[in-house]
Amino acid sequence: YVGSPAEAVEMAKAGADAIIAHVGTTVGGSIGVTKAVVGWDFTLQRTQEIIDAARRVRKEIFFLCHGGPINTPQDAERVMKAT
């Protein structure tokens, strides 16, 4: 899990095979958060920044995303299509 491009670079340097872009507390779920602290614009931009930063170090990394407004399979698909 990384929350910033700088963290993604360090994980890539350390040899991570997969990096999860974490954009904050997830809406829904068992803790009952009803509104994401961050919106879609931030989520998509930060996820892309994390991917770009890590790929500057190593190309063969798997990327995943978690948190914020990402709560359903459709939400995850939205991120995958936009990044």
N, C-alpha and C. Protein backbone atom coordinates (compact mmCIF):
# COMPACT_ATOMS: atom_id res chain seq x y z
N TYR A 1 0.84 -1.18 0.00
CA TYR A 1 0.00 0.00 0.00
C TYR A 1 0.87 1.23 0.00
N VAL A 2 0.57 2.18 -0.90
CA VAL A 2 1.25 3.47 -0.90
C VAL A 2 0.20 4.57 -1.03
N GLY A 3 0.53 5.72 -0.47
CA GLY A 3 -0.38 6.85 -0.54
C GLY A 3 0.15 8.02 -1.34
N SER A 4 1.37 7.87 -1.86
CA SER A 4 1.95 8.99 -2.60
C SER A 4 2.90 8.47 -3.67
N PRO A 5 3.20 9.31 -4.67
CA PRO A 5 4.18 8.92 -5.68
C PRO A 5 5.56 8.62 -5.07
N ALA A 6 5.96 9.39 -4.08
CA ALA A 6 7.27 9.16 -3.44
C ALA A 6 7.32 7.78 -2.80
N GLU A 7 6.25 7.37 -2.15
CA GLU A 7 6.20 6.03 -1.56
C GLU A 7 6.24 4.96 -2.64
N ALA A 8 5.58 5.22 -3.76
CA ALA A 8 5.58 4.27 -4.88
C ALA A 8 6.99 4.07 -5.43
N VAL A 9 7.75 5.14 -5.53
CA VAL A 9 9.13 5.04 -6.00
C VAL A 9 9.94 4.16 -5.06
N GLU A 10 9.79 4.37 -3.76
CA GLU A 10 10.55 3.58 -2.79
C GLU A 10 10.16 2.10 -2.85
N MET A 11 8.89 1.83 -3.02
CA MET A 11 8.45 0.44 -3.13
C MET A 11 9.00 -0.20 -4.41
N ALA A 12 9.00 0.55 -5.50
CA ALA A 12 9.56 0.02 -6.75
C ALA A 12 11.05 -0.25 -6.60
N LYS A 13 11.76 0.66 -5.96
CA LYS A 13 13.19 0.46 -5.71
C LYS A 13 13.45 -0.77 -4.85
N ALA A 14 12.52 -1.04 -3.93
CA ALA A 14 12.67 -2.19 -3.03
C ALA A 14 12.31 -3.50 -3.71
N GLY A 15 11.78 -3.43 -4.94
CA GLY A 15 11.47 -4.64 -5.69
C GLY A 15 10.06 -5.15 -5.57
N ALA A 16 9.13 -4.30 -5.15
CA ALA A 16 7.73 -4.72 -5.02
C ALA A 16 7.20 -5.25 -6.35
N ASP A 17 6.51 -6.37 -6.30
CA ASP A 17 5.87 -6.93 -7.49
C ASP A 17 4.53 -6.29 -7.77
N ALA A 18 3.89 -5.81 -6.71
CA ALA A 18 2.58 -5.17 -6.83
C ALA A 18 2.54 -3.96 -5.91
N ILE A 19 1.87 -2.93 -6.37
CA ILE A 19 1.70 -1.72 -5.57
C ILE A 19 0.21 -1.38 -5.57
N ILE A 20 -0.30 -1.11 -4.40
CA ILE A 20 -1.70 -0.72 -4.25
C ILE A 20 -1.76 0.76 -3.95
N ALA A 21 -2.38 1.51 -4.85
CA ALA A 21 -2.59 2.94 -4.64
C ALA A 21 -3.75 3.11 -3.66
N HIS A 22 -3.45 3.63 -2.48
CA HIS A 22 -4.47 3.82 -1.45
C HIS A 22 -4.81 5.29 -1.36
N VAL A 23 -6.09 5.62 -1.56
CA VAL A 23 -6.50 7.03 -1.62
C VAL A 23 -7.36 7.46 -0.44
N GLY A 24 -7.31 6.72 0.66
CA GLY A 24 -8.04 7.14 1.85
C GLY A 24 -9.11 6.16 2.27
N THR A 25 -9.82 6.52 3.33
CA THR A 25 -10.85 5.66 3.88
C THR A 25 -11.93 5.37 2.84
N THR A 26 -12.29 4.09 2.73
CA THR A 26 -13.27 3.65 1.75
C THR A 26 -14.69 3.91 2.23
N VAL A 27 -15.53 4.36 1.33
CA VAL A 27 -16.95 4.52 1.67
C VAL A 27 -17.56 3.14 1.87
N GLY A 28 -18.63 3.07 2.64
CA GLY A 28 -19.32 1.81 2.86
C GLY A 28 -18.55 0.89 3.77
N GLY A 29 -18.69 -0.39 3.57
CA GLY A 29 -17.95 -1.36 4.36
C GLY A 29 -18.48 -1.49 5.78
N SER A 30 -17.70 -2.17 6.61
CA SER A 30 -18.16 -2.49 7.95
C SER A 30 -18.06 -1.34 8.94
N ILE A 31 -17.31 -0.26 8.60
CA ILE A 31 -17.20 0.82 9.56
C ILE A 31 -18.22 1.93 9.33
N GLY A 32 -18.97 1.82 8.25
CA GLY A 32 -20.11 2.70 8.03
C GLY A 32 -19.80 4.09 7.52
N VAL A 33 -18.65 4.30 6.90
CA VAL A 33 -18.37 5.61 6.32
C VAL A 33 -19.34 5.82 5.16
N THR A 34 -20.01 6.96 5.16
CA THR A 34 -21.02 7.19 4.13
C THR A 34 -20.57 8.15 3.04
N LYS A 35 -19.49 8.89 3.29
CA LYS A 35 -19.02 9.83 2.28
C LYS A 35 -17.49 9.80 2.25
N ALA A 36 -16.95 9.60 1.07
CA ALA A 36 -15.49 9.58 0.93
C ALA A 36 -14.93 10.97 1.21
N VAL A 37 -13.80 11.00 1.87
CA VAL A 37 -13.13 12.26 2.15
C VAL A 37 -12.56 12.85 0.85
N VAL A 38 -12.18 11.98 -0.07
CA VAL A 38 -11.65 12.43 -1.36
C VAL A 38 -12.63 12.07 -2.47
N GLY A 39 -12.62 12.86 -3.51
CA GLY A 39 -13.52 12.61 -4.63
C GLY A 39 -12.85 11.87 -5.77
N TRP A 40 -13.62 11.71 -6.84
CA TRP A 40 -13.13 10.96 -7.99
C TRP A 40 -11.95 11.63 -8.69
N ASP A 41 -11.98 12.95 -8.80
CA ASP A 41 -10.87 13.63 -9.48
C ASP A 41 -9.56 13.33 -8.78
N PHE A 42 -9.54 13.49 -7.45
CA PHE A 42 -8.32 13.20 -6.69
C PHE A 42 -7.95 11.73 -6.82
N THR A 43 -8.93 10.85 -6.72
CA THR A 43 -8.67 9.41 -6.77
C THR A 43 -7.99 9.01 -8.08
N LEU A 44 -8.52 9.47 -9.18
CA LEU A 44 -7.96 9.11 -10.48
C LEU A 44 -6.59 9.76 -10.69
N GLN A 45 -6.45 11.01 -10.31
CA GLN A 45 -5.18 11.70 -10.48
C GLN A 45 -4.10 11.06 -9.60
N ARG A 46 -4.40 10.82 -8.32
CA ARG A 46 -3.40 10.26 -7.42
C ARG A 46 -3.01 8.85 -7.85
N THR A 47 -3.98 8.06 -8.28
CA THR A 47 -3.67 6.70 -8.73
C THR A 47 -2.73 6.74 -9.93
N GLN A 48 -3.00 7.62 -10.88
CA GLN A 48 -2.14 7.73 -12.06
C GLN A 48 -0.76 8.23 -11.67
N GLU A 49 -0.67 9.18 -10.75
CA GLU A 49 0.63 9.67 -10.30
C GLU A 49 1.46 8.56 -9.67
N ILE A 50 0.81 7.71 -8.89
CA ILE A 50 1.49 6.58 -8.24
C ILE A 50 2.00 5.60 -9.30
N ILE A 51 1.16 5.28 -10.27
CA ILE A 51 1.56 4.37 -11.34
C ILE A 51 2.74 4.95 -12.12
N ASP A 52 2.63 6.20 -12.51
CA ASP A 52 3.70 6.83 -13.29
C ASP A 52 5.02 6.86 -12.52
N ALA A 53 4.97 7.20 -11.26
CA ALA A 53 6.19 7.29 -10.44
C ALA A 53 6.87 5.94 -10.33
N ALA A 54 6.11 4.91 -10.04
CA ALA A 54 6.71 3.58 -9.89
C ALA A 54 7.25 3.06 -11.21
N ARG A 55 6.55 3.33 -12.29
CA ARG A 55 7.00 2.85 -13.61
C ARG A 55 8.26 3.54 -14.09
N ARG A 56 8.56 4.70 -13.56
CA ARG A 56 9.83 5.35 -13.91
C ARG A 56 11.00 4.55 -13.34
N VAL A 57 10.74 3.77 -12.30
CA VAL A 57 11.78 2.94 -11.68
C VAL A 57 11.79 1.55 -12.29
N ARG A 58 10.60 0.95 -12.39
CA ARG A 58 10.48 -0.41 -12.94
C ARG A 58 9.16 -0.51 -13.69
N LYS A 59 9.19 -1.17 -14.83
CA LYS A 59 7.98 -1.29 -15.67
C LYS A 59 7.09 -2.48 -15.29
N GLU A 60 7.67 -3.54 -14.79
CA GLU A 60 6.94 -4.79 -14.61
C GLU A 60 6.31 -4.92 -13.21
N ILE A 61 5.48 -3.95 -12.85
CA ILE A 61 4.78 -3.94 -11.56
C ILE A 61 3.29 -4.04 -11.84
N PHE A 62 2.60 -4.81 -11.00
CA PHE A 62 1.14 -4.86 -11.05
C PHE A 62 0.60 -3.74 -10.16
N PHE A 63 -0.45 -3.07 -10.62
CA PHE A 63 -1.03 -1.99 -9.84
C PHE A 63 -2.48 -2.30 -9.49
N LEU A 64 -2.83 -1.97 -8.27
CA LEU A 64 -4.18 -2.11 -7.77
C LEU A 64 -4.57 -0.79 -7.10
N CYS A 65 -5.83 -0.63 -6.78
CA CYS A 65 -6.29 0.60 -6.14
C CYS A 65 -7.27 0.26 -5.02
N HIS A 66 -7.31 1.16 -4.03
CA HIS A 66 -8.15 0.91 -2.87
C HIS A 66 -8.45 2.24 -2.19
N GLY A 67 -9.65 2.33 -1.66
CA GLY A 67 -9.99 3.44 -0.79
C GLY A 67 -10.84 4.51 -1.44
N GLY A 68 -11.10 5.53 -0.66
CA GLY A 68 -11.90 6.66 -1.12
C GLY A 68 -13.24 6.21 -1.67
N PRO A 69 -13.59 6.68 -2.86
CA PRO A 69 -14.89 6.35 -3.43
C PRO A 69 -14.94 4.96 -4.08
N ILE A 70 -13.82 4.22 -4.07
CA ILE A 70 -13.79 2.89 -4.71
C ILE A 70 -14.43 1.89 -3.75
N ASN A 71 -15.63 1.46 -4.08
CA ASN A 71 -16.38 0.59 -3.18
C ASN A 71 -17.02 -0.61 -3.87
N THR A 72 -17.18 -0.54 -5.17
CA THR A 72 -17.86 -1.61 -5.90
C THR A 72 -16.98 -2.06 -7.07
N PRO A 73 -17.30 -3.21 -7.67
CA PRO A 73 -16.56 -3.61 -8.87
C PRO A 73 -16.65 -2.56 -9.97
N GLN A 74 -17.77 -1.88 -10.08
CA GLN A 74 -17.92 -0.84 -11.09
C GLN A 74 -17.00 0.34 -10.80
N ASP A 75 -16.82 0.65 -9.52
CA ASP A 75 -15.89 1.72 -9.15
C ASP A 75 -14.46 1.35 -9.53
N ALA A 76 -14.08 0.12 -9.25
CA ALA A 76 -12.73 -0.34 -9.61
C ALA A 76 -12.54 -0.30 -11.12
N GLU A 77 -13.56 -0.69 -11.85
CA GLU A 77 -13.50 -0.63 -13.32
C GLU A 77 -13.29 0.81 -13.79
N ARG A 78 -13.96 1.73 -13.15
CA ARG A 78 -13.81 3.15 -13.50
C ARG A 78 -12.35 3.59 -13.36
N VAL A 79 -11.71 3.18 -12.28
CA VAL A 79 -10.30 3.54 -12.08
C VAL A 79 -9.42 2.86 -13.11
N MET A 80 -9.67 1.59 -13.36
CA MET A 80 -8.85 0.85 -14.33
C MET A 80 -8.94 1.47 -15.72
N LYS A 81 -10.13 1.90 -16.11
CA LYS A 81 -10.30 2.50 -17.43
C LYS A 81 -9.66 3.88 -17.52
N ALA A 82 -9.56 4.58 -16.41
CA ALA A 82 -9.08 5.95 -16.43
C ALA A 82 -7.58 6.08 -16.15
N THR A 83 -6.95 4.98 -15.76
CA THR A 83 -5.52 5.06 -15.42
C THR A 83 -4.72 4.08 -16.26
